[in-house]
Amino acid sequence: MNISLLTSIIGIFGAAIIAAVTYWLTKKREQEAEWRKEKLAYYKAFIESLSGTVEGDSTPDGQRAYAKACNNLLLFAPVSVLEAMEAFRNETKESNPNRSFEKHDLLLAKLLLEIRRDIRIYPQDNPDTFKPKLWSSGSRKNLP
């Protein structure tokens, strides 16, 4: 077999392999981007649902939306997020007679840090300085 034919065959196979690998990597990136977009939508719904549970703004509909959003996270969130969510829910549930604002804030920060880690926020947050607070609307209920 002459050397030019062999070089051509190797070149064709090499080009085919490079094309296949490039296609596979592109598809993988597209799938990861789509998965991340889906996660962000669920996480956004979860964060929005927290507004319906904030003291002063809590409503039965808000509590239902929060429960639904928490349940949706069970589909895809990593165990670290689920554990942080469960700790937060146990602290904030109405049946907990020992609720405290300090523990609420600490567990909320842990939960949000885990969510931010899952969606790969960069640069990574410093747990010592990350102190999120939930805001209520400030509107007063039951006004005449």
Foldseek 3Di string as FASTA:
>chain_A
DDPVVVVVVVVVVVVVVVVVVVVVVVVVVVVVVVVLVVLVVLVVQLVVLVQCVPVQNPDPVSVVSNVVSLVVCVVPQDPQLNVLVVQLCVQRDPVDPPHDPVVNQLSVLSNVLSSCVVSVDPPRDDSVPRGDDDDHPPDHPPDD
